[in-house]
Amino acid sequence: MALKDQWDTQAIKAGASVAVFLAVPPSLIARFMIDDTDTNNGWAPLLSLLAIFGFIIGSGQAAWRQRKGTPILHGMLTSTGVFVAAQFVFAIVKLAMGDDLRFMRIVTSFSLAMFAGLIGGLLGYYLQRNGPAPKPLA
């Protein structure tokens, strides 16, 4: 089976655009504005939950729209792909600013993004079976 036959790229693009829109801004705020302060003001957990929610919605979108019969894989690929791309950019900016990278925080966040992709994939699977059909992409 060829790679293009295994993945529904239109569904992944649709889900990734949702995940970028919903998950990256809270991650960006947490990474560059709250991480740099020494005060523990309680915003970091809320922003993390918002980012996870964004990954779930984006990966669920990809899982729901895909037509290859692999909603969970599509959901996990979408969330982890967006996470890796965003973290790559964040790391370059952090290093350019002379800041340290916190690898354990990145690994933990990656695990949460994978879990969000799994949840989104399951939700997309459920919607495919029991919900409305997605409208065709233009």
C-alpha atoms as a PDB file:
ATOM      1  CA  MET A   1       0.000   0.000   0.000  1.00  0.00           C
ATOM      2  CA  ALA A   2       1.453   3.337  -1.033  1.00  0.00           C
ATOM      3  CA  LEU A   3       1.743   6.124   1.515  1.00  0.00           C
ATOM      4  CA  LYS A   4      -0.728   8.304  -0.358  1.00  0.00           C
ATOM      5  CA  ASP A   5      -3.242   5.440  -0.235  1.00  0.00           C
ATOM      6  CA  GLN A   6      -2.896   5.113   3.542  1.00  0.00           C
ATOM      7  CA  TRP A   7      -3.518   8.739   4.542  1.00  0.00           C
ATOM      8  CA  ASP A   8      -6.332  11.115   3.723  1.00  0.00           C
ATOM      9  CA  THR A   9      -4.259  14.276   3.335  1.00  0.00           C
ATOM     10  CA  GLN A  10      -7.281  16.551   2.959  1.00  0.00           C
ATOM     11  CA  ALA A  11      -8.646  15.358   6.306  1.00  0.00           C
ATOM     12  CA  ILE A  12      -5.248  15.772   7.957  1.00  0.00           C
ATOM     13  CA  LYS A  13      -4.905  19.307   6.580  1.00  0.00           C
ATOM     14  CA  ALA A  14      -8.390  20.206   7.813  1.00  0.00           C
ATOM     15  CA  GLY A  15      -7.705  18.806  11.276  1.00  0.00           C
ATOM     16  CA  ALA A  16      -4.242  20.357  11.465  1.00  0.00           C
ATOM     17  CA  SER A  17      -5.604  23.789  10.620  1.00  0.00           C
ATOM     18  CA  VAL A  18      -8.115  23.480  13.463  1.00  0.00           C
ATOM     19  CA  ALA A  19      -5.420  22.259  15.868  1.00  0.00           C
ATOM     20  CA  VAL A  20      -3.064  25.095  14.887  1.00  0.00           C
ATOM     21  CA  PHE A  21      -5.832  27.634  15.412  1.00  0.00           C
ATOM     22  CA  LEU A  22      -6.998  26.235  18.773  1.00  0.00           C
ATOM     23  CA  ALA A  23      -3.923  24.614  20.351  1.00  0.00           C
ATOM     24  CA  VAL A  24      -0.936  26.700  19.316  1.00  0.00           C
ATOM     25  CA  PRO A  25      -1.987  30.136  20.695  1.00  0.00           C
ATOM     26  CA  PRO A  26      -2.398  28.901  24.301  1.00  0.00           C
ATOM     27  CA  SER A  27       0.873  26.990  23.971  1.00  0.00           C
ATOM     28  CA  LEU A  28       2.571  30.086  22.614  1.00  0.00           C
ATOM     29  CA  ILE A  29       1.331  32.244  25.491  1.00  0.00           C
ATOM     30  CA  ALA A  30       2.345  29.656  28.060  1.00  0.00           C
ATOM     31  CA  ARG A  31       5.743  29.062  26.494  1.00  0.00           C
ATOM     32  CA  PHE A  32       6.902  32.639  26.047  1.00  0.00           C
ATOM     33  CA  MET A  33       4.970  34.732  28.533  1.00  0.00           C
ATOM     34  CA  ILE A  34       4.275  32.580  31.537  1.00  0.00           C
ATOM     35  CA  ASP A  35       7.353  30.314  31.474  1.00  0.00           C
ATOM     36  CA  ASP A  36       9.572  33.368  31.661  1.00  0.00           C
ATOM     37  CA  THR A  37       8.052  34.666  34.882  1.00  0.00           C
ATOM     38  CA  ASP A  38       8.966  33.296  38.279  1.00  0.00           C
ATOM     39  CA  THR A  39       5.512  33.732  39.756  1.00  0.00           C
ATOM     40  CA  ASN A  40       3.105  30.851  39.879  1.00  0.00           C
ATOM     41  CA  ASN A  41      -0.117  32.588  38.931  1.00  0.00           C
ATOM     42  CA  GLY A  42      -2.201  29.562  37.882  1.00  0.00           C
ATOM     43  CA  TRP A  43      -2.475  30.440  34.193  1.00  0.00           C
ATOM     44  CA  ALA A  44      -0.180  27.647  32.980  1.00  0.00           C
ATOM     45  CA  PRO A  45      -2.575  24.772  33.816  1.00  0.00           C
ATOM     46  CA  LEU A  46      -5.514  26.572  32.210  1.00  0.00           C
ATOM     47  CA  LEU A  47      -3.534  27.298  29.046  1.00  0.00           C
ATOM     48  CA  SER A  48      -2.350  23.684  28.950  1.00  0.00           C
ATOM     49  CA  LEU A  49      -5.933  22.459  29.158  1.00  0.00           C
ATOM     50  CA  LEU A  50      -6.930  24.820  26.353  1.00  0.00           C
ATOM     51  CA  ALA A  51      -4.086  23.487  24.199  1.00  0.00           C
ATOM     52  CA  ILE A  52      -5.070  19.877  24.884  1.00  0.00           C
ATOM     53  CA  PHE A  53      -8.674  20.735  24.017  1.00  0.00           C
ATOM     54  CA  GLY A  54      -7.439  22.256  20.747  1.00  0.00           C
ATOM     55  CA  PHE A  55      -5.481  19.105  19.909  1.00  0.00           C
ATOM     56  CA  ILE A  56      -8.532  16.947  20.665  1.00  0.00           C
ATOM     57  CA  ILE A  57     -10.804  19.043  18.440  1.00  0.00           C
ATOM     58  CA  GLY A  58      -8.261  19.191  15.585  1.00  0.00           C
ATOM     59  CA  SER A  59      -7.446  15.502  15.682  1.00  0.00           C
ATOM     60  CA  GLY A  60     -11.141  14.680  15.984  1.00  0.00           C
ATOM     61  CA  GLN A  61     -11.781  16.756  12.878  1.00  0.00           C
ATOM     62  CA  ALA A  62      -9.162  14.778  10.942  1.00  0.00           C
ATOM     63  CA  ALA A  63     -10.466  11.461  12.259  1.00  0.00           C
ATOM     64  CA  TRP A  64     -14.056  12.349  11.412  1.00  0.00           C
ATOM     65  CA  ARG A  65     -13.252  13.526   7.877  1.00  0.00           C
ATOM     66  CA  GLN A  66     -10.877  10.735   6.864  1.00  0.00           C
ATOM     67  CA  ARG A  67     -12.126   8.076   4.467  1.00  0.00           C
ATOM     68  CA  LYS A  68      -9.375   5.481   4.798  1.00  0.00           C
ATOM     69  CA  GLY A  69     -10.837   3.542   7.723  1.00  0.00           C
ATOM     70  CA  THR A  70      -8.164   4.604  10.219  1.00  0.00           C
ATOM     71  CA  PRO A  71      -9.619   7.420  12.326  1.00  0.00           C
ATOM     72  CA  ILE A  72      -7.386   6.878  15.355  1.00  0.00           C
ATOM     73  CA  LEU A  73      -4.208   6.930  13.268  1.00  0.00           C
ATOM     74  CA  HIS A  74      -5.370  10.073  11.492  1.00  0.00           C
ATOM     75  CA  GLY A  75      -6.155  11.734  14.802  1.00  0.00           C
ATOM     76  CA  MET A  76      -2.810  10.832  16.349  1.00  0.00           C
ATOM     77  CA  LEU A  77      -0.854  11.848  13.252  1.00  0.00           C
ATOM     78  CA  THR A  78      -2.626  15.208  13.185  1.00  0.00           C
ATOM     79  CA  SER A  79      -2.043  16.078  16.835  1.00  0.00           C
ATOM     80  CA  THR A  80       1.550  14.863  16.985  1.00  0.00           C
ATOM     81  CA  GLY A  81       2.412  16.460  13.647  1.00  0.00           C
ATOM     82  CA  VAL A  82       1.100  19.855  14.738  1.00  0.00           C
ATOM     83  CA  PHE A  83       2.832  19.486  18.096  1.00  0.00           C
ATOM     84  CA  VAL A  84       6.212  18.610  16.562  1.00  0.00           C
ATOM     85  CA  ALA A  85       6.001  21.445  14.029  1.00  0.00           C
ATOM     86  CA  ALA A  86       5.046  23.992  16.704  1.00  0.00           C
ATOM     87  CA  GLN A  87       7.702  22.758  19.129  1.00  0.00           C
ATOM     88  CA  PHE A  88      10.340  22.948  16.414  1.00  0.00           C
ATOM     89  CA  VAL A  89       9.509  26.619  15.840  1.00  0.00           C
ATOM     90  CA  PHE A  90       9.270  27.292  19.591  1.00  0.00           C
ATOM     91  CA  ALA A  91      12.688  25.660  20.152  1.00  0.00           C
ATOM     92  CA  ILE A  92      14.364  27.721  17.445  1.00  0.00           C
ATOM     93  CA  VAL A  93      12.904  30.936  18.877  1.00  0.00           C
ATOM     94  CA  LYS A  94      13.862  29.961  22.446  1.00  0.00           C
ATOM     95  CA  LEU A  95      17.425  29.145  21.420  1.00  0.00           C
ATOM     96  CA  ALA A  96      17.685  32.355  19.380  1.00  0.00           C
ATOM     97  CA  MET A  97      16.584  34.282  22.461  1.00  0.00           C
ATOM     98  CA  GLY A  98      19.279  32.541  24.528  1.00  0.00           C
ATOM     99  CA  ASP A  99      16.803  30.609  26.672  1.00  0.00           C
ATOM    100  CA  ASP A 100      17.130  27.015  27.792  1.00  0.00           C
ATOM    101  CA  LEU A 101      15.005  24.200  26.431  1.00  0.00           C
ATOM    102  CA  ARG A 102      13.217  22.096  29.004  1.00  0.00           C
ATOM    103  CA  PHE A 103      13.312  18.653  27.425  1.00  0.00           C
ATOM    104  CA  MET A 104      11.245  16.880  30.063  1.00  0.00           C
ATOM    105  CA  ARG A 105       8.490  19.470  29.665  1.00  0.00           C
ATOM    106  CA  ILE A 106       8.573  18.917  25.896  1.00  0.00           C
ATOM    107  CA  VAL A 107       8.405  15.127  26.340  1.00  0.00           C
ATOM    108  CA  THR A 108       5.512  15.443  28.768  1.00  0.00           C
ATOM    109  CA  SER A 109       3.680  17.815  26.423  1.00  0.00           C
ATOM    110  CA  PHE A 110       4.309  15.440  23.512  1.00  0.00           C
ATOM    111  CA  SER A 111       2.740  12.608  25.506  1.00  0.00           C
ATOM    112  CA  LEU A 112      -0.291  14.778  26.218  1.00  0.00           C
ATOM    113  CA  ALA A 113      -0.564  15.687  22.520  1.00  0.00           C
ATOM    114  CA  MET A 114      -0.464  11.986  21.612  1.00  0.00           C
ATOM    115  CA  PHE A 115      -3.158  11.247  24.186  1.00  0.00           C
ATOM    116  CA  ALA A 116      -5.247  14.130  22.822  1.00  0.00           C
ATOM    117  CA  GLY A 117      -4.851  12.630  19.337  1.00  0.00           C
ATOM    118  CA  LEU A 118      -6.071   9.278  20.641  1.00  0.00           C
ATOM    119  CA  ILE A 119      -9.114  10.885  22.270  1.00  0.00           C
ATOM    120  CA  GLY A 120      -9.795  12.944  19.135  1.00  0.00           C
ATOM    121  CA  GLY A 121      -9.440   9.825  16.988  1.00  0.00           C
ATOM    122  CA  LEU A 122     -11.944   7.971  19.150  1.00  0.00           C
ATOM    123  CA  LEU A 123     -14.362  10.903  19.018  1.00  0.00           C
ATOM    124  CA  GLY A 124     -13.984  11.076  15.234  1.00  0.00           C
ATOM    125  CA  TYR A 125     -14.622   7.351  14.999  1.00  0.00           C
ATOM    126  CA  TYR A 126     -17.753   7.738  17.117  1.00  0.00           C
ATOM    127  CA  LEU A 127     -18.994  10.605  14.944  1.00  0.00           C
ATOM    128  CA  GLN A 128     -18.399   8.592  11.780  1.00  0.00           C
ATOM    129  CA  ARG A 129     -20.510   5.760  13.152  1.00  0.00           C
ATOM    130  CA  ASN A 130     -23.240   7.703  14.952  1.00  0.00           C
ATOM    131  CA  GLY A 131     -23.129  11.337  13.933  1.00  0.00           C
ATOM    132  CA  PRO A 132     -23.687  13.486  10.893  1.00  0.00           C
ATOM    133  CA  ALA A 133     -21.502  13.025   7.848  1.00  0.00           C
ATOM    134  CA  PRO A 134     -18.919  15.768   7.323  1.00  0.00           C
ATOM    135  CA  LYS A 135     -19.501  18.225   4.510  1.00  0.00           C
ATOM    136  CA  PRO A 136     -17.130  17.776   1.564  1.00  0.00           C
ATOM    137  CA  LEU A 137     -14.050  19.971   1.596  1.00  0.00           C
ATOM    138  CA  ALA A 138     -13.800  22.543  -1.156  1.00  0.00           C
END
